Amino acid sequence: MIEMIPPGVRTTLMGQQDSEQSMPLDDFLTEVLDLLREKPDAKELVVERARFLRNAVANGFYDDVLAMISAG
């Protein structure tokens, strides 16, 4: 099992299909497939656009990130 840390993705699943802040689906899929090829034994995959979310606690800006995503 591989844990996936996705960003918002432009799909109808979460109503983000028109969101400029969300990652285009094709870009997301391309990056994920590239990561899977590069790291087939990975336990976790983080697309670059979601790295700030993944590292928010460790970098000490969790409250700022939470406020930002809650406002959108």
N, C-alpha and C. Protein backbone atom coordinates (compact mmCIF):
# COMPACT_ATOMS: atom_id res chain seq x y z
N MET A 1 0.84 -1.15 0.00
CA MET A 1 0.00 0.00 0.00
C MET A 1 0.90 1.23 0.00
N ILE A 2 0.53 2.22 -0.80
CA ILE A 2 1.26 3.48 -0.88
C ILE A 2 0.32 4.60 -0.46
N GLU A 3 0.77 5.38 0.50
CA GLU A 3 -0.01 6.54 0.91
C GLU A 3 0.22 7.66 -0.10
N MET A 4 -0.87 8.28 -0.54
CA MET A 4 -0.81 9.36 -1.52
C MET A 4 -1.22 10.67 -0.85
N ILE A 5 -0.41 11.69 -1.00
CA ILE A 5 -0.74 13.01 -0.48
C ILE A 5 -1.05 13.88 -1.69
N PRO A 6 -2.35 14.02 -2.02
CA PRO A 6 -2.71 14.79 -3.21
C PRO A 6 -3.02 16.24 -2.87
N PRO A 7 -2.89 17.10 -3.85
CA PRO A 7 -3.38 18.47 -3.70
C PRO A 7 -4.85 18.48 -4.11
N GLY A 8 -5.47 19.65 -4.13
CA GLY A 8 -6.77 19.76 -4.76
C GLY A 8 -6.58 19.48 -6.24
N VAL A 9 -7.45 18.67 -6.82
CA VAL A 9 -7.34 18.31 -8.23
C VAL A 9 -8.63 18.73 -8.93
N ARG A 10 -8.50 19.27 -10.13
CA ARG A 10 -9.66 19.75 -10.89
C ARG A 10 -10.51 18.58 -11.39
N THR A 11 -11.42 18.15 -10.52
CA THR A 11 -12.39 17.11 -10.89
C THR A 11 -13.74 17.51 -10.31
N THR A 12 -14.76 16.82 -10.74
CA THR A 12 -16.10 17.06 -10.19
C THR A 12 -16.29 16.35 -8.87
N LEU A 13 -15.37 15.46 -8.51
CA LEU A 13 -15.49 14.67 -7.28
C LEU A 13 -15.67 15.57 -6.06
N MET A 14 -14.88 16.61 -5.94
CA MET A 14 -14.98 17.52 -4.79
C MET A 14 -15.44 18.91 -5.23
N GLY A 15 -16.00 19.02 -6.44
CA GLY A 15 -16.49 20.30 -6.93
C GLY A 15 -15.39 21.29 -7.25
N GLN A 16 -14.21 20.78 -7.58
CA GLN A 16 -13.07 21.66 -7.84
C GLN A 16 -12.74 21.78 -9.33
N GLN A 17 -13.67 21.38 -10.19
CA GLN A 17 -13.41 21.34 -11.63
C GLN A 17 -13.08 22.70 -12.23
N ASP A 18 -13.51 23.80 -11.61
CA ASP A 18 -13.26 25.13 -12.14
C ASP A 18 -12.28 25.93 -11.28
N SER A 19 -11.69 25.29 -10.29
CA SER A 19 -10.81 25.99 -9.36
C SER A 19 -9.42 26.22 -9.95
N GLU A 20 -9.03 27.47 -10.02
CA GLU A 20 -7.69 27.81 -10.50
C GLU A 20 -6.61 27.35 -9.51
N GLN A 21 -6.98 27.18 -8.23
CA GLN A 21 -6.02 26.72 -7.23
C GLN A 21 -5.78 25.22 -7.30
N SER A 22 -6.68 24.50 -7.95
CA SER A 22 -6.56 23.05 -8.04
C SER A 22 -5.68 22.65 -9.21
N MET A 23 -5.02 21.54 -9.06
CA MET A 23 -4.10 21.02 -10.07
C MET A 23 -4.89 20.36 -11.20
N PRO A 24 -4.55 20.64 -12.44
CA PRO A 24 -5.23 19.96 -13.56
C PRO A 24 -5.05 18.44 -13.44
N LEU A 25 -6.09 17.72 -13.71
CA LEU A 25 -6.08 16.27 -13.55
C LEU A 25 -4.96 15.61 -14.36
N ASP A 26 -4.77 16.00 -15.60
CA ASP A 26 -3.72 15.39 -16.42
C ASP A 26 -2.34 15.61 -15.82
N ASP A 27 -2.09 16.80 -15.28
CA ASP A 27 -0.80 17.08 -14.64
C ASP A 27 -0.61 16.21 -13.40
N PHE A 28 -1.66 16.06 -12.63
CA PHE A 28 -1.61 15.23 -11.43
C PHE A 28 -1.29 13.78 -11.79
N LEU A 29 -2.02 13.24 -12.75
CA LEU A 29 -1.82 11.85 -13.14
C LEU A 29 -0.41 11.62 -13.70
N THR A 30 0.07 12.55 -14.50
CA THR A 30 1.42 12.43 -15.06
C THR A 30 2.46 12.41 -13.95
N GLU A 31 2.34 13.32 -12.99
CA GLU A 31 3.31 13.37 -11.90
C GLU A 31 3.25 12.11 -11.03
N VAL A 32 2.05 11.64 -10.73
CA VAL A 32 1.91 10.42 -9.91
C VAL A 32 2.51 9.22 -10.63
N LEU A 33 2.23 9.06 -11.91
CA LEU A 33 2.78 7.93 -12.65
C LEU A 33 4.30 8.02 -12.73
N ASP A 34 4.84 9.21 -12.90
CA ASP A 34 6.29 9.39 -12.89
C ASP A 34 6.88 9.00 -11.54
N LEU A 35 6.23 9.43 -10.46
CA LEU A 35 6.71 9.08 -9.12
C LEU A 35 6.67 7.57 -8.89
N LEU A 36 5.62 6.92 -9.36
CA LEU A 36 5.51 5.47 -9.21
C LEU A 36 6.61 4.74 -9.99
N ARG A 37 6.95 5.25 -11.16
CA ARG A 37 8.04 4.65 -11.94
C ARG A 37 9.38 4.85 -11.25
N GLU A 38 9.59 6.07 -10.71
CA GLU A 38 10.87 6.40 -10.07
C GLU A 38 11.04 5.69 -8.73
N LYS A 39 9.94 5.51 -8.00
CA LYS A 39 10.00 4.97 -6.65
C LYS A 39 8.96 3.86 -6.46
N PRO A 40 9.12 2.74 -7.14
CA PRO A 40 8.10 1.68 -7.07
C PRO A 40 7.91 1.09 -5.67
N ASP A 41 8.89 1.23 -4.80
CA ASP A 41 8.78 0.69 -3.45
C ASP A 41 8.43 1.75 -2.41
N ALA A 42 8.03 2.93 -2.85
CA ALA A 42 7.73 4.03 -1.93
C ALA A 42 6.57 3.66 -1.00
N LYS A 43 6.63 4.16 0.20
CA LYS A 43 5.53 4.00 1.16
C LYS A 43 4.59 5.20 1.08
N GLU A 44 5.12 6.31 0.52
CA GLU A 44 4.35 7.55 0.45
C GLU A 44 4.75 8.28 -0.82
N LEU A 45 3.75 8.84 -1.51
CA LEU A 45 3.99 9.68 -2.68
C LEU A 45 3.40 11.05 -2.42
N VAL A 46 4.20 12.06 -2.66
CA VAL A 46 3.74 13.44 -2.47
C VAL A 46 4.01 14.19 -3.76
N VAL A 47 2.95 14.63 -4.43
CA VAL A 47 3.18 15.46 -5.61
C VAL A 47 3.70 16.81 -5.13
N GLU A 48 4.51 17.43 -5.94
CA GLU A 48 5.19 18.67 -5.53
C GLU A 48 4.20 19.73 -5.04
N ARG A 49 3.08 19.82 -5.71
CA ARG A 49 2.09 20.85 -5.36
C ARG A 49 1.47 20.63 -3.98
N ALA A 50 1.59 19.43 -3.42
CA ALA A 50 1.03 19.13 -2.09
C ALA A 50 2.09 19.08 -1.00
N ARG A 51 3.35 19.29 -1.37
CA ARG A 51 4.44 19.17 -0.40
C ARG A 51 4.28 20.14 0.77
N PHE A 52 3.80 21.37 0.50
CA PHE A 52 3.62 22.32 1.60
C PHE A 52 2.58 21.83 2.60
N LEU A 53 1.57 21.10 2.14
CA LEU A 53 0.58 20.51 3.06
C LEU A 53 1.22 19.41 3.89
N ARG A 54 1.96 18.55 3.22
CA ARG A 54 2.59 17.41 3.88
C ARG A 54 3.58 17.85 4.96
N ASN A 55 4.29 18.94 4.70
CA ASN A 55 5.34 19.39 5.59
C ASN A 55 4.93 20.53 6.52
N ALA A 56 3.68 20.89 6.54
CA ALA A 56 3.22 22.05 7.32
C ALA A 56 3.56 21.94 8.80
N VAL A 57 3.33 20.81 9.40
CA VAL A 57 3.61 20.64 10.84
C VAL A 57 5.11 20.71 11.10
N ALA A 58 5.87 19.94 10.32
CA ALA A 58 7.32 19.89 10.53
C ALA A 58 7.97 21.25 10.32
N ASN A 59 7.42 22.04 9.41
CA ASN A 59 8.00 23.35 9.11
C ASN A 59 7.44 24.46 9.99
N GLY A 60 6.48 24.12 10.85
CA GLY A 60 5.95 25.10 11.80
C GLY A 60 4.94 26.07 11.24
N PHE A 61 4.30 25.74 10.13
CA PHE A 61 3.29 26.66 9.61
C PHE A 61 1.93 25.98 9.37
N TYR A 62 1.61 25.01 10.21
CA TYR A 62 0.33 24.31 10.12
C TYR A 62 -0.86 25.26 10.23
N ASP A 63 -0.83 26.18 11.21
CA ASP A 63 -1.95 27.11 11.39
C ASP A 63 -2.16 27.98 10.16
N ASP A 64 -1.08 28.43 9.55
CA ASP A 64 -1.18 29.26 8.35
C ASP A 64 -1.77 28.47 7.18
N VAL A 65 -1.32 27.23 7.01
CA VAL A 65 -1.83 26.39 5.92
C VAL A 65 -3.29 26.05 6.15
N LEU A 66 -3.64 25.73 7.37
CA LEU A 66 -5.04 25.43 7.68
C LEU A 66 -5.93 26.62 7.40
N ALA A 67 -5.51 27.80 7.79
CA ALA A 67 -6.30 29.02 7.52
C ALA A 67 -6.43 29.26 6.02
N MET A 68 -5.36 29.02 5.28
CA MET A 68 -5.39 29.24 3.84
C MET A 68 -6.36 28.29 3.14
N ILE A 69 -6.30 27.00 3.48
CA ILE A 69 -7.18 26.06 2.78
C ILE A 69 -8.61 26.15 3.28
N SER A 70 -8.81 26.62 4.48
CA SER A 70 -10.17 26.77 5.01
C SER A 70 -10.88 27.98 4.40
N ALA A 71 -10.11 28.97 3.98
CA ALA A 71 -10.69 30.18 3.37
C ALA A 71 -11.20 29.92 1.97
N GLY A 72 -10.64 28.91 1.28
CA GLY A 72 -10.98 28.63 -0.11
C GLY A 72 -12.18 27.85 -0.23
